[in-house]
Amino acid sequence: MSQLPSTYTDLHRVGLADTRELVVVEQFALRPSSSSSIASPAWIKAADDPAARIAVVTLNDPANLNALSPALMLQLHYKLADLVRNPQIRAIILTGSGPGFCSGGSLDMIKSGAEMVHAGVHDFATPGGGTAEPWRFIRMQFGGVVRLIANSNVLFVAAVNGPAAGVGLALALACDCVLASKEHAVFVPAFAKLGLVPEVGTSWLLTKKFCF
């Protein structure tokens, strides 16, 4: 795999150029079910129905355990922003496809940033250069999604179907409610193993908001 570009602008361009659907959004309406003697609602997929109050947002890169590549992160940010602005949506369920919820930041992108640090930077005058560029992408995109979730008036539910690691853990903890699979969910604060400090509010969220 080729090395990812290391400036914020180039990372943004790489993300926009990826045409895969890495984040899938479905909207549902809850209607009374007539198939059961128990009054339980049926989930009806109905994106254009005024009664469609619930959105299910699925991270869709199962081959990479839904790692947060530039493309996936940009799609997630844009699609969540659209849903939060939609007055029809009252709740958003965030989950992952395949065996994982989210394995955290793309290691290719982290590796690219580390190579910049070790290679040294000599041109400090050129905008868009320097060792802080990968950090700027993390702050604006990773942090931007966590801030969007935390500041939203929409109810966010993390449906953790598998490993939630690093920034993936932060996404889950930022939600109002975390529902975890007893058999498959694993919460992994993987920062220390990568030589990183916990990002995008994980230190606070882990101690203040995580309830079992």
N, C-alpha and C. Protein backbone atom coordinates (compact mmCIF):
# COMPACT_ATOMS: atom_id res chain seq x y z
N MET A 1 0.85 -1.19 0.00
CA MET A 1 0.00 0.00 0.00
C MET A 1 0.88 1.24 0.00
N SER A 2 0.57 2.22 -0.83
CA SER A 2 1.38 3.43 -0.90
C SER A 2 1.17 4.28 0.34
N GLN A 3 2.19 5.05 0.67
CA GLN A 3 2.12 5.91 1.84
C GLN A 3 1.09 7.00 1.63
N LEU A 4 0.33 7.28 2.67
CA LEU A 4 -0.66 8.33 2.58
C LEU A 4 0.01 9.69 2.59
N PRO A 5 -0.53 10.67 1.87
CA PRO A 5 -0.03 12.03 1.99
C PRO A 5 -0.16 12.51 3.43
N SER A 6 0.70 13.44 3.82
CA SER A 6 0.79 13.78 5.23
C SER A 6 0.25 15.15 5.59
N THR A 7 -0.10 15.99 4.65
CA THR A 7 -0.66 17.27 5.01
C THR A 7 -2.17 17.14 5.17
N TYR A 8 -2.75 18.06 5.93
CA TYR A 8 -4.19 18.04 6.16
C TYR A 8 -4.94 18.11 4.84
N THR A 9 -4.49 19.01 3.95
CA THR A 9 -5.17 19.17 2.66
C THR A 9 -5.11 17.89 1.85
N ASP A 10 -3.96 17.24 1.82
CA ASP A 10 -3.82 16.02 1.04
C ASP A 10 -4.61 14.87 1.65
N LEU A 11 -4.62 14.78 2.98
CA LEU A 11 -5.42 13.75 3.62
C LEU A 11 -6.90 13.94 3.30
N HIS A 12 -7.33 15.18 3.29
CA HIS A 12 -8.71 15.51 2.94
C HIS A 12 -8.99 15.11 1.50
N ARG A 13 -8.04 15.40 0.60
CA ARG A 13 -8.22 15.07 -0.81
C ARG A 13 -8.28 13.55 -1.01
N VAL A 14 -7.41 12.82 -0.31
CA VAL A 14 -7.41 11.36 -0.40
C VAL A 14 -8.76 10.81 0.05
N GLY A 15 -9.28 11.35 1.13
CA GLY A 15 -10.56 10.89 1.64
C GLY A 15 -11.70 11.12 0.68
N LEU A 16 -11.72 12.29 0.05
CA LEU A 16 -12.79 12.61 -0.89
C LEU A 16 -12.69 11.79 -2.17
N ALA A 17 -11.48 11.38 -2.53
CA ALA A 17 -11.28 10.64 -3.77
C ALA A 17 -11.74 9.19 -3.67
N ASP A 18 -11.90 8.68 -2.46
CA ASP A 18 -12.31 7.29 -2.28
C ASP A 18 -13.83 7.21 -2.44
N THR A 19 -14.28 6.51 -3.48
CA THR A 19 -15.71 6.48 -3.81
C THR A 19 -16.47 5.32 -3.17
N ARG A 20 -15.78 4.51 -2.36
CA ARG A 20 -16.48 3.42 -1.70
C ARG A 20 -17.48 3.97 -0.68
N GLU A 21 -18.57 3.24 -0.47
CA GLU A 21 -19.54 3.65 0.55
C GLU A 21 -19.09 3.05 1.88
N LEU A 22 -18.33 3.83 2.63
CA LEU A 22 -17.74 3.35 3.88
C LEU A 22 -18.60 3.64 5.09
N VAL A 23 -19.64 4.43 4.90
CA VAL A 23 -20.60 4.70 5.97
C VAL A 23 -22.00 4.59 5.37
N VAL A 24 -22.79 3.67 5.91
CA VAL A 24 -24.14 3.41 5.39
C VAL A 24 -25.17 3.98 6.37
N VAL A 25 -26.11 4.74 5.84
CA VAL A 25 -27.17 5.33 6.66
C VAL A 25 -28.51 4.75 6.24
N GLU A 26 -29.26 4.25 7.21
CA GLU A 26 -30.62 3.77 6.99
C GLU A 26 -31.54 4.44 8.00
N GLN A 27 -32.74 4.77 7.56
CA GLN A 27 -33.71 5.40 8.46
C GLN A 27 -34.91 4.48 8.65
N PHE A 28 -35.41 4.48 9.88
CA PHE A 28 -36.49 3.56 10.24
C PHE A 28 -37.60 4.30 10.98
N ALA A 29 -38.80 3.81 10.75
CA ALA A 29 -39.96 4.22 11.54
C ALA A 29 -40.38 3.05 12.41
N LEU A 30 -40.84 3.33 13.61
CA LEU A 30 -41.35 2.28 14.50
C LEU A 30 -42.86 2.29 14.44
N ARG A 31 -43.42 1.14 14.09
CA ARG A 31 -44.87 1.02 13.99
C ARG A 31 -45.34 -0.20 14.78
N PRO A 32 -46.56 -0.15 15.28
CA PRO A 32 -47.07 -1.31 16.03
C PRO A 32 -47.04 -2.57 15.18
N SER A 33 -46.64 -3.66 15.79
CA SER A 33 -46.57 -4.94 15.08
C SER A 33 -47.84 -5.74 15.33
N SER A 34 -48.43 -6.24 14.25
CA SER A 34 -49.65 -7.05 14.37
C SER A 34 -49.33 -8.54 14.36
N SER A 35 -48.04 -8.88 14.26
CA SER A 35 -47.66 -10.29 14.14
C SER A 35 -47.42 -10.95 15.49
N SER A 36 -47.59 -10.21 16.55
CA SER A 36 -47.31 -10.76 17.87
C SER A 36 -48.41 -10.33 18.83
N SER A 37 -48.68 -11.21 19.79
CA SER A 37 -49.66 -10.86 20.81
C SER A 37 -49.12 -9.82 21.77
N ILE A 38 -47.79 -9.70 21.81
CA ILE A 38 -47.15 -8.69 22.63
C ILE A 38 -47.01 -7.42 21.81
N ALA A 39 -47.37 -6.30 22.39
CA ALA A 39 -47.34 -5.04 21.67
C ALA A 39 -45.91 -4.55 21.53
N SER A 40 -45.18 -5.10 20.57
CA SER A 40 -43.80 -4.67 20.31
C SER A 40 -43.75 -3.97 18.96
N PRO A 41 -43.00 -2.87 18.85
CA PRO A 41 -42.97 -2.14 17.59
C PRO A 41 -42.16 -2.86 16.53
N ALA A 42 -42.55 -2.67 15.28
CA ALA A 42 -41.81 -3.21 14.15
C ALA A 42 -40.96 -2.10 13.54
N TRP A 43 -39.74 -2.46 13.15
CA TRP A 43 -38.85 -1.49 12.52
C TRP A 43 -39.13 -1.51 11.01
N ILE A 44 -39.58 -0.39 10.49
CA ILE A 44 -39.90 -0.27 9.08
C ILE A 44 -38.90 0.68 8.43
N LYS A 45 -38.16 0.16 7.44
CA LYS A 45 -37.21 1.03 6.74
C LYS A 45 -37.98 1.99 5.86
N ALA A 46 -37.86 3.26 6.15
CA ALA A 46 -38.68 4.24 5.44
C ALA A 46 -37.99 5.59 5.49
N ALA A 47 -37.03 5.79 4.62
CA ALA A 47 -36.23 7.01 4.66
C ALA A 47 -37.07 8.26 4.44
N ASP A 48 -38.10 8.17 3.57
CA ASP A 48 -38.88 9.35 3.23
C ASP A 48 -40.17 9.47 4.05
N ASP A 49 -40.37 8.55 4.97
CA ASP A 49 -41.56 8.58 5.80
C ASP A 49 -41.39 9.61 6.91
N PRO A 50 -42.36 10.52 7.09
CA PRO A 50 -42.26 11.50 8.18
C PRO A 50 -42.13 10.85 9.55
N ALA A 51 -42.54 9.60 9.67
CA ALA A 51 -42.43 8.90 10.95
C ALA A 51 -41.07 8.25 11.15
N ALA A 52 -40.18 8.37 10.16
CA ALA A 52 -38.84 7.76 10.28
C ALA A 52 -37.98 8.63 11.18
N ARG A 53 -37.97 8.27 12.46
CA ARG A 53 -37.29 9.10 13.47
C ARG A 53 -35.92 8.55 13.85
N ILE A 54 -35.61 7.33 13.45
CA ILE A 54 -34.38 6.68 13.90
C ILE A 54 -33.47 6.44 12.70
N ALA A 55 -32.21 6.78 12.85
CA ALA A 55 -31.21 6.52 11.82
C ALA A 55 -30.19 5.53 12.36
N VAL A 56 -29.87 4.53 11.55
CA VAL A 56 -28.82 3.57 11.89
C VAL A 56 -27.63 3.88 10.98
N VAL A 57 -26.51 4.22 11.59
CA VAL A 57 -25.30 4.58 10.86
C VAL A 57 -24.28 3.46 11.06
N THR A 58 -23.88 2.82 9.97
CA THR A 58 -23.00 1.65 10.04
C THR A 58 -21.66 1.96 9.39
N LEU A 59 -20.60 1.82 10.16
CA LEU A 59 -19.25 1.90 9.61
C LEU A 59 -19.05 0.66 8.74
N ASN A 60 -18.65 0.86 7.49
CA ASN A 60 -18.74 -0.22 6.51
C ASN A 60 -17.41 -0.52 5.82
N ASP A 61 -16.41 -0.87 6.61
CA ASP A 61 -15.14 -1.35 6.05
C ASP A 61 -14.70 -2.58 6.86
N PRO A 62 -15.49 -3.65 6.80
CA PRO A 62 -15.25 -4.79 7.69
C PRO A 62 -13.90 -5.46 7.50
N ALA A 63 -13.34 -5.41 6.29
CA ALA A 63 -12.04 -6.03 6.05
C ALA A 63 -10.94 -5.40 6.89
N ASN A 64 -11.13 -4.13 7.28
CA ASN A 64 -10.17 -3.41 8.11
C ASN A 64 -10.72 -3.14 9.50
N LEU A 65 -11.71 -3.93 9.91
CA LEU A 65 -12.37 -3.74 11.21
C LEU A 65 -12.84 -2.30 11.38
N ASN A 66 -13.29 -1.70 10.26
CA ASN A 66 -13.85 -0.35 10.26
C ASN A 66 -12.87 0.68 10.80
N ALA A 67 -11.60 0.53 10.43
CA ALA A 67 -10.59 1.50 10.83
C ALA A 67 -10.92 2.87 10.25
N LEU A 68 -10.57 3.91 10.99
CA LEU A 68 -10.94 5.27 10.61
C LEU A 68 -9.92 5.85 9.64
N SER A 69 -10.06 5.48 8.39
CA SER A 69 -9.24 6.04 7.32
C SER A 69 -9.75 7.45 7.02
N PRO A 70 -8.97 8.26 6.29
CA PRO A 70 -9.48 9.58 5.91
C PRO A 70 -10.84 9.53 5.22
N ALA A 71 -11.03 8.56 4.32
CA ALA A 71 -12.31 8.48 3.60
C ALA A 71 -13.46 8.15 4.53
N LEU A 72 -13.28 7.14 5.37
CA LEU A 72 -14.36 6.76 6.28
C LEU A 72 -14.67 7.90 7.24
N MET A 73 -13.63 8.57 7.73
CA MET A 73 -13.85 9.64 8.70
C MET A 73 -14.59 10.81 8.10
N LEU A 74 -14.23 11.19 6.87
CA LEU A 74 -14.92 12.29 6.22
C LEU A 74 -16.38 11.93 5.95
N GLN A 75 -16.63 10.73 5.46
CA GLN A 75 -18.01 10.31 5.22
C GLN A 75 -18.82 10.30 6.51
N LEU A 76 -18.22 9.80 7.58
CA LEU A 76 -18.93 9.76 8.86
C LEU A 76 -19.26 11.16 9.34
N HIS A 77 -18.30 12.07 9.21
CA HIS A 77 -18.52 13.45 9.67
C HIS A 77 -19.65 14.11 8.88
N TYR A 78 -19.60 13.99 7.55
CA TYR A 78 -20.62 14.63 6.71
C TYR A 78 -22.01 14.04 6.96
N LYS A 79 -22.08 12.72 7.05
CA LYS A 79 -23.39 12.07 7.17
C LYS A 79 -24.00 12.30 8.55
N LEU A 80 -23.18 12.28 9.59
CA LEU A 80 -23.72 12.58 10.92
C LEU A 80 -24.18 14.03 11.01
N ALA A 81 -23.42 14.93 10.40
CA ALA A 81 -23.82 16.34 10.42
C ALA A 81 -25.18 16.54 9.74
N ASP A 82 -25.40 15.86 8.61
CA ASP A 82 -26.69 15.95 7.93
C ASP A 82 -27.83 15.42 8.80
N LEU A 83 -27.58 14.31 9.48
CA LEU A 83 -28.62 13.72 10.32
C LEU A 83 -28.94 14.60 11.52
N VAL A 84 -27.91 15.17 12.13
CA VAL A 84 -28.11 16.01 13.31
C VAL A 84 -28.91 17.26 12.94
N ARG A 85 -28.70 17.76 11.73
CA ARG A 85 -29.43 18.96 11.29
C ARG A 85 -30.86 18.65 10.87
N ASN A 86 -31.20 17.38 10.70
CA ASN A 86 -32.53 16.98 10.25
C ASN A 86 -33.48 16.93 11.44
N PRO A 87 -34.46 17.84 11.53
CA PRO A 87 -35.36 17.87 12.69
C PRO A 87 -36.22 16.62 12.82
N GLN A 88 -36.30 15.83 11.76
CA GLN A 88 -37.09 14.61 11.80
C GLN A 88 -36.41 13.52 12.63
N ILE A 89 -35.09 13.51 12.67
CA ILE A 89 -34.34 12.44 13.33
C ILE A 89 -34.25 12.72 14.82
N ARG A 90 -34.67 11.74 15.62
CA ARG A 90 -34.65 11.87 17.07
C ARG A 90 -33.58 11.01 17.72
N ALA A 91 -33.13 9.95 17.04
CA ALA A 91 -32.12 9.06 17.61
C ALA A 91 -31.24 8.52 16.49
N ILE A 92 -29.96 8.37 16.80
CA ILE A 92 -28.99 7.83 15.86
C ILE A 92 -28.28 6.66 16.53
N ILE A 93 -28.30 5.50 15.87
CA ILE A 93 -27.60 4.32 16.36
C ILE A 93 -26.34 4.14 15.54
N LEU A 94 -25.20 4.12 16.21
CA LEU A 94 -23.90 3.98 15.55
C LEU A 94 -23.37 2.57 15.78
N THR A 95 -23.05 1.86 14.71
CA THR A 95 -22.57 0.49 14.84
C THR A 95 -21.56 0.21 13.73
N GLY A 96 -21.04 -1.02 13.71
CA GLY A 96 -20.06 -1.41 12.71
C GLY A 96 -20.50 -2.65 11.96
N SER A 97 -20.05 -2.78 10.72
CA SER A 97 -20.34 -3.99 9.95
C SER A 97 -19.26 -5.02 10.20
N GLY A 98 -19.61 -6.30 9.97
CA GLY A 98 -18.63 -7.36 10.16
C GLY A 98 -18.35 -7.63 11.63
N PRO A 99 -17.17 -8.15 11.94
CA PRO A 99 -16.88 -8.58 13.31
C PRO A 99 -16.48 -7.45 14.25
N GLY A 100 -16.25 -6.24 13.75
CA GLY A 100 -15.76 -5.18 14.61
C GLY A 100 -16.67 -3.96 14.63
N PHE A 101 -16.60 -3.22 15.74
CA PHE A 101 -17.26 -1.91 15.81
C PHE A 101 -16.36 -0.88 15.14
N CYS A 102 -15.17 -0.68 15.66
CA CYS A 102 -14.21 0.22 15.05
C CYS A 102 -12.84 -0.02 15.69
N SER A 103 -11.84 -0.28 14.87
CA SER A 103 -10.51 -0.58 15.38
C SER A 103 -9.66 0.66 15.60
N GLY A 104 -10.25 1.85 15.45
CA GLY A 104 -9.52 3.08 15.72
C GLY A 104 -8.95 3.70 14.47
N GLY A 105 -8.03 4.63 14.67
CA GLY A 105 -7.44 5.34 13.56
C GLY A 105 -6.64 4.43 12.64
N SER A 106 -6.67 4.74 11.36
CA SER A 106 -5.93 3.97 10.37
C SER A 106 -4.44 3.99 10.70
N LEU A 107 -3.84 2.81 10.83
CA LEU A 107 -2.42 2.73 11.15
C LEU A 107 -1.56 3.27 10.02
N ASP A 108 -2.04 3.20 8.78
CA ASP A 108 -1.30 3.78 7.66
C ASP A 108 -1.16 5.28 7.84
N MET A 109 -2.24 5.94 8.29
CA MET A 109 -2.18 7.38 8.50
C MET A 109 -1.28 7.72 9.68
N ILE A 110 -1.35 6.94 10.75
CA ILE A 110 -0.49 7.17 11.91
C ILE A 110 0.98 6.97 11.53
N LYS A 111 1.24 5.92 10.75
CA LYS A 111 2.61 5.64 10.30
C LYS A 111 3.14 6.80 9.47
N SER A 112 2.29 7.35 8.61
CA SER A 112 2.70 8.48 7.78
C SER A 112 3.11 9.67 8.64
N GLY A 113 2.32 9.94 9.68
CA GLY A 113 2.65 11.05 10.58
C GLY A 113 3.94 10.80 11.33
N ALA A 114 4.16 9.56 11.78
CA ALA A 114 5.39 9.24 12.49
C ALA A 114 6.61 9.40 11.60
N GLU A 115 6.47 9.04 10.32
CA GLU A 115 7.60 9.18 9.40
C GLU A 115 7.96 10.65 9.20
N MET A 116 6.98 11.52 9.24
CA MET A 116 7.27 12.95 9.13
C MET A 116 8.08 13.43 10.31
N VAL A 117 7.72 12.95 11.51
CA VAL A 117 8.42 13.37 12.72
C VAL A 117 9.88 12.94 12.65
N HIS A 118 10.13 11.70 12.26
CA HIS A 118 11.48 11.17 12.26
C HIS A 118 12.30 11.71 11.10
N ALA A 119 11.65 12.05 10.00
CA ALA A 119 12.38 12.57 8.86
C ALA A 119 12.84 14.01 9.08
N GLY A 120 12.14 14.70 9.95
CA GLY A 120 12.49 16.10 10.19
C GLY A 120 11.83 17.01 9.17
N VAL A 121 11.57 18.22 9.58
CA VAL A 121 10.95 19.21 8.71
C VAL A 121 11.83 20.44 8.67
N HIS A 122 12.17 20.88 7.49
CA HIS A 122 13.08 22.01 7.35
C HIS A 122 12.39 23.25 6.79
N ASP A 123 11.25 23.04 6.15
CA ASP A 123 10.53 24.17 5.58
C ASP A 123 9.39 24.55 6.51
N PHE A 124 9.65 25.50 7.42
CA PHE A 124 8.64 25.90 8.39
C PHE A 124 7.78 27.05 7.90
N ALA A 125 8.14 27.61 6.74
CA ALA A 125 7.43 28.78 6.25
C ALA A 125 6.27 28.42 5.33
N THR A 126 6.27 27.21 4.78
CA THR A 126 5.25 26.83 3.81
C THR A 126 3.98 26.37 4.52
N PRO A 127 2.84 27.04 4.28
CA PRO A 127 1.58 26.58 4.89
C PRO A 127 1.25 25.16 4.45
N GLY A 128 0.70 24.39 5.37
CA GLY A 128 0.33 23.02 5.05
C GLY A 128 1.46 22.05 5.21
N GLY A 129 2.56 22.46 5.80
CA GLY A 129 3.67 21.55 6.03
C GLY A 129 3.94 21.40 7.51
N GLY A 130 4.78 20.43 7.86
CA GLY A 130 5.18 20.28 9.25
C GLY A 130 4.64 19.03 9.89
N THR A 131 5.24 18.68 11.01
CA THR A 131 4.89 17.44 11.68
C THR A 131 3.51 17.48 12.32
N ALA A 132 2.93 18.65 12.48
CA ALA A 132 1.62 18.76 13.12
C ALA A 132 0.46 18.47 12.18
N GLU A 133 0.74 18.29 10.89
CA GLU A 133 -0.34 18.13 9.93
C GLU A 133 -1.22 16.91 10.19
N PRO A 134 -0.64 15.71 10.41
CA PRO A 134 -1.52 14.58 10.75
C PRO A 134 -2.33 14.84 12.01
N TRP A 135 -1.70 15.50 12.99
CA TRP A 135 -2.43 15.83 14.22
C TRP A 135 -3.60 16.75 13.91
N ARG A 136 -3.40 17.69 12.96
CA ARG A 136 -4.48 18.61 12.61
C ARG A 136 -5.66 17.87 12.01
N PHE A 137 -5.38 16.85 11.19
CA PHE A 137 -6.47 16.04 10.64
C PHE A 137 -7.20 15.31 11.76
N ILE A 138 -6.45 14.75 12.69
CA ILE A 138 -7.06 14.05 13.83
C ILE A 138 -7.92 15.00 14.64
N ARG A 139 -7.42 16.19 14.90
CA ARG A 139 -8.17 17.16 15.69
C ARG A 139 -9.44 17.60 14.99
N MET A 140 -9.33 17.89 13.68
CA MET A 140 -10.47 18.43 12.96
C MET A 140 -11.49 17.36 12.60
N GLN A 141 -11.03 16.14 12.25
CA GLN A 141 -11.96 15.11 11.80
C GLN A 141 -12.34 14.15 12.93
N PHE A 142 -11.35 13.51 13.56
CA PHE A 142 -11.67 12.63 14.68
C PHE A 142 -12.36 13.42 15.79
N GLY A 143 -11.70 14.49 16.21
CA GLY A 143 -12.28 15.32 17.26
C GLY A 143 -13.57 15.97 16.84
N GLY A 144 -13.67 16.32 15.55
CA GLY A 144 -14.89 16.95 15.08
C GLY A 144 -16.10 16.05 15.20
N VAL A 145 -15.94 14.76 14.92
CA VAL A 145 -17.05 13.82 15.03
C VAL A 145 -17.43 13.62 16.49
N VAL A 146 -16.44 13.48 17.37
CA VAL A 146 -16.74 13.31 18.80
C VAL A 146 -17.44 14.54 19.35
N ARG A 147 -16.98 15.73 18.96
CA ARG A 147 -17.65 16.96 19.42
C ARG A 147 -19.07 17.04 18.87
N LEU A 148 -19.27 16.62 17.63
CA LEU A 148 -20.60 16.62 17.03
C LEU A 148 -21.55 15.73 17.82
N ILE A 149 -21.08 14.53 18.17
CA ILE A 149 -21.91 13.60 18.95
C ILE A 149 -22.21 14.18 20.33
N ALA A 150 -21.17 14.67 21.00
CA ALA A 150 -21.32 15.14 22.38
C ALA A 150 -22.20 16.38 22.48
N ASN A 151 -22.16 17.24 21.47
CA ASN A 151 -22.90 18.51 21.53
C ASN A 151 -24.28 18.43 20.91
N SER A 152 -24.64 17.29 20.34
CA SER A 152 -25.91 17.18 19.63
C SER A 152 -27.07 17.02 20.60
N ASN A 153 -28.23 17.51 20.19
CA ASN A 153 -29.46 17.28 20.95
C ASN A 153 -30.15 15.99 20.56
N VAL A 154 -29.60 15.30 19.55
CA VAL A 154 -30.13 14.01 19.13
C VAL A 154 -29.56 12.92 20.04
N LEU A 155 -30.39 11.94 20.38
CA LEU A 155 -29.92 10.81 21.18
C LEU A 155 -29.00 9.93 20.35
N PHE A 156 -27.78 9.70 20.84
CA PHE A 156 -26.83 8.81 20.17
C PHE A 156 -26.68 7.53 20.97
N VAL A 157 -26.80 6.40 20.29
CA VAL A 157 -26.63 5.08 20.91
C VAL A 157 -25.52 4.36 20.16
N ALA A 158 -24.51 3.91 20.89
CA ALA A 158 -23.46 3.09 20.29
C ALA A 158 -23.84 1.62 20.47
N ALA A 159 -24.03 0.93 19.36
CA ALA A 159 -24.32 -0.51 19.39
C ALA A 159 -23.00 -1.22 19.08
N VAL A 160 -22.27 -1.57 20.13
CA VAL A 160 -20.91 -2.09 19.98
C VAL A 160 -20.99 -3.59 19.75
N ASN A 161 -20.76 -3.98 18.50
CA ASN A 161 -20.93 -5.37 18.08
C ASN A 161 -19.62 -6.15 18.10
N GLY A 162 -18.51 -5.48 18.38
CA GLY A 162 -17.20 -6.13 18.37
C GLY A 162 -16.18 -5.19 18.98
N PRO A 163 -14.89 -5.39 18.68
CA PRO A 163 -13.86 -4.54 19.28
C PRO A 163 -14.06 -3.05 18.97
N ALA A 164 -13.92 -2.24 20.03
CA ALA A 164 -13.91 -0.79 19.91
C ALA A 164 -12.58 -0.32 20.48
N ALA A 165 -11.67 0.11 19.63
CA ALA A 165 -10.30 0.40 20.06
C ALA A 165 -9.91 1.83 19.71
N GLY A 166 -9.07 2.42 20.56
CA GLY A 166 -8.54 3.74 20.27
C GLY A 166 -9.63 4.77 20.07
N VAL A 167 -9.59 5.45 18.93
CA VAL A 167 -10.61 6.45 18.64
C VAL A 167 -11.98 5.79 18.46
N GLY A 168 -12.01 4.52 18.06
CA GLY A 168 -13.28 3.80 18.01
C GLY A 168 -13.92 3.73 19.38
N LEU A 169 -13.10 3.56 20.42
CA LEU A 169 -13.61 3.59 21.79
C LEU A 169 -14.14 4.97 22.13
N ALA A 170 -13.43 6.00 21.70
CA ALA A 170 -13.89 7.37 21.96
C ALA A 170 -15.24 7.63 21.31
N LEU A 171 -15.45 7.13 20.09
CA LEU A 171 -16.74 7.31 19.42
C LEU A 171 -17.86 6.68 20.24
N ALA A 172 -17.60 5.47 20.75
CA ALA A 172 -18.62 4.79 21.54
C ALA A 172 -18.90 5.54 22.83
N LEU A 173 -17.85 5.99 23.52
CA LEU A 173 -18.03 6.65 24.81
C LEU A 173 -18.69 8.01 24.68
N ALA A 174 -18.53 8.65 23.52
CA ALA A 174 -19.14 9.96 23.32
C ALA A 174 -20.66 9.87 23.20
N CYS A 175 -21.17 8.68 22.86
CA CYS A 175 -22.61 8.51 22.70
C CYS A 175 -23.31 8.57 24.05
N ASP A 176 -24.61 8.85 24.02
CA ASP A 176 -25.38 8.95 25.26
C ASP A 176 -25.56 7.61 25.93
N CYS A 177 -25.59 6.55 25.14
CA CYS A 177 -25.83 5.21 25.67
C CYS A 177 -24.96 4.22 24.89
N VAL A 178 -24.37 3.27 25.60
CA VAL A 178 -23.55 2.23 24.96
C VAL A 178 -24.20 0.88 25.22
N LEU A 179 -24.58 0.19 24.14
CA LEU A 179 -25.09 -1.17 24.23
C LEU A 179 -24.03 -2.09 23.64
N ALA A 180 -23.56 -3.04 24.43
CA ALA A 180 -22.43 -3.87 24.02
C ALA A 180 -22.83 -5.33 23.93
N SER A 181 -22.35 -6.00 22.88
CA SER A 181 -22.57 -7.43 22.74
C SER A 181 -21.81 -8.17 23.83
N LYS A 182 -22.52 -8.99 24.58
CA LYS A 182 -21.88 -9.75 25.65
C LYS A 182 -20.84 -10.71 25.10
N GLU A 183 -21.08 -11.25 23.92
CA GLU A 183 -20.19 -12.26 23.35
C GLU A 183 -19.01 -11.64 22.59
N HIS A 184 -19.20 -10.47 21.97
CA HIS A 184 -18.20 -10.00 21.00
C HIS A 184 -17.59 -8.64 21.30
N ALA A 185 -18.23 -7.82 22.10
CA ALA A 185 -17.71 -6.47 22.34
C ALA A 185 -16.45 -6.51 23.20
N VAL A 186 -15.45 -5.74 22.79
CA VAL A 186 -14.21 -5.58 23.55
C VAL A 186 -13.83 -4.10 23.49
N PHE A 187 -13.52 -3.53 24.65
CA PHE A 187 -13.14 -2.12 24.72
C PHE A 187 -11.63 -2.03 24.94
N VAL A 188 -10.94 -1.39 23.99
CA VAL A 188 -9.47 -1.43 23.99
C VAL A 188 -8.93 0.00 23.92
N PRO A 189 -8.45 0.55 25.04
CA PRO A 189 -7.74 1.84 24.97
C PRO A 189 -6.30 1.59 24.52
N ALA A 190 -6.11 1.56 23.22
CA ALA A 190 -4.85 1.06 22.64
C ALA A 190 -3.76 2.11 22.52
N PHE A 191 -3.97 3.30 23.07
CA PHE A 191 -3.06 4.41 22.81
C PHE A 191 -1.63 4.14 23.29
N ALA A 192 -1.50 3.62 24.50
CA ALA A 192 -0.16 3.44 25.07
C ALA A 192 0.69 2.49 24.23
N LYS A 193 0.05 1.47 23.66
CA LYS A 193 0.81 0.51 22.85
C LYS A 193 1.35 1.13 21.57
N LEU A 194 0.75 2.26 21.16
CA LEU A 194 1.22 2.95 19.96
C LEU A 194 2.07 4.16 20.30
N GLY A 195 2.33 4.36 21.60
CA GLY A 195 3.11 5.52 22.02
C GLY A 195 2.36 6.83 21.92
N LEU A 196 1.03 6.78 22.08
CA LEU A 196 0.19 7.97 21.97
C LEU A 196 -0.52 8.25 23.28
N VAL A 197 -0.90 9.50 23.48
CA VAL A 197 -1.78 9.83 24.60
C VAL A 197 -3.22 9.62 24.15
N PRO A 198 -4.13 9.33 25.08
CA PRO A 198 -5.54 9.17 24.69
C PRO A 198 -6.07 10.42 23.99
N GLU A 199 -6.75 10.21 22.87
CA GLU A 199 -7.18 11.33 22.03
C GLU A 199 -8.66 11.61 22.19
N VAL A 200 -9.04 12.76 21.65
CA VAL A 200 -10.41 13.23 21.48
C VAL A 200 -11.30 12.94 22.69
N GLY A 201 -10.80 13.25 23.87
CA GLY A 201 -11.62 13.19 25.07
C GLY A 201 -11.70 11.84 25.75
N THR A 202 -10.93 10.87 25.30
CA THR A 202 -11.04 9.52 25.87
C THR A 202 -10.75 9.51 27.37
N SER A 203 -9.74 10.25 27.81
CA SER A 203 -9.39 10.24 29.24
C SER A 203 -10.58 10.66 30.10
N TRP A 204 -11.27 11.71 29.67
CA TRP A 204 -12.43 12.19 30.43
C TRP A 204 -13.60 11.24 30.29
N LEU A 205 -13.89 10.83 29.05
CA LEU A 205 -15.06 9.99 28.80
C LEU A 205 -14.96 8.65 29.51
N LEU A 206 -13.77 8.07 29.55
CA LEU A 206 -13.60 6.75 30.14
C LEU A 206 -13.89 6.76 31.63
N THR A 207 -13.57 7.86 32.30
CA THR A 207 -13.77 7.93 33.76
C THR A 207 -15.11 8.52 34.17
N LYS A 208 -15.75 9.28 33.27
CA LYS A 208 -16.95 10.02 33.66
C LYS A 208 -18.24 9.48 33.04
N LYS A 209 -18.16 8.84 31.90
CA LYS A 209 -19.39 8.53 31.17
C LYS A 209 -19.63 7.06 30.92
N PHE A 210 -18.67 6.22 31.21
CA PHE A 210 -18.84 4.79 30.88
C PHE A 210 -19.50 4.09 32.06
N CYS A 211 -20.71 3.59 31.85
CA CYS A 211 -21.46 2.89 32.88
C CYS A 211 -21.70 1.45 32.45
N PHE A 212 -21.54 0.52 33.37
CA PHE A 212 -21.77 -0.90 33.08
C PHE A 212 -23.16 -1.32 33.56
